[in-house]
Amino acid sequence: MPWLLIVLIFMVGCATNNPPAPASSPPPLALKKLTPEQLAAEARYRAEVHTELAANYYTRRQFDIALEELKVSVGADRTFMPAYNLLGLIHMELGETKLAEQDFRTGLKLAPTNPDVNNNYGWFLCNTNREKDAIPFFLTAAQDPHYATPHKPLTNAGICNLRLGNTSQAEDYFRRALRLAPDDGQVNFNLADLNFGRGNLPQARMHLARVMESPNPTAEALWLAVRLERKMGDRNAEGSYGLKLKKRYPESREAKLLQSGKYE
């Protein structure tokens, strides 16, 4: 259920000289006590709002402000799993691994099968040298029938297996992801890179062509395209991709490798 951004408007009343209402009059609505259900709903509402705000700041990489919003969110409702999931992502970005792990584990306690927190925690494990531990979390995420992007955890499972040296298992996950999202750039890049490493250049070129349909292919993808076309003998394509790499990512590691002529 999507969260709605809202603006909270606080109305402050002014004191008057009017006499108090008779004892028999019902109390104003604002003074009525809320039921436990209403209090819980209000708390959840505040948690949703502030987590949505935090997500917007997170996408802008304004992590300090996002953390402040999430502090409000968790303070309002300590059972709101998306807040802990986002906290984990932010602390992971900041390199605060202990806090990130604590956040993700809290999220998993609240929603053990939620695909988002399973995928994110799996990626956290994969990037903290616990690749084997990560795979079950990716599979839990991918098996959720309501998950909109099950190809993402499958791709992540493939990447983790590559880091473990399990190329056959990695390819299996990539191909499963490809069946779900044939045009996904990350899936196709990984299959292109895998085939390039095996010397299967036509297959690598086929997958890389799908990656290049993106308006902004990454420096890594452009560098792979340069090396692929060089091996296939297409100097025009090699030069074209090399020019794009130097123009779009002049300070990248890949551009520096191209400049130095280190193709292998």
Foldseek 3Di string as FASTA:
>chain_A
DAADADDDDDDDDDDDPDDDDDPVDDDDPVPDDDDPVVLLVVLQNLLNNLQVVLVVCVVVVVNVSSVVSLVSNCVSPVLDLSSLLVQLVSCVVVVVLVSNQVSLVSSCVSPVLALSSLLSVLLSCLVVVNLVVSLVSLVSNLPPPPRPQNLVSLQVNLVSCVVVVNNVSSVVSLVVSCVVPVLDLSSLQVQLVSCVVVVVLVSSVVSLVSNVVDPDRDLVSLLSQLLSCVVVVNVVSNVVSLVCSCVVPVPDPSVVCVVVVVSD
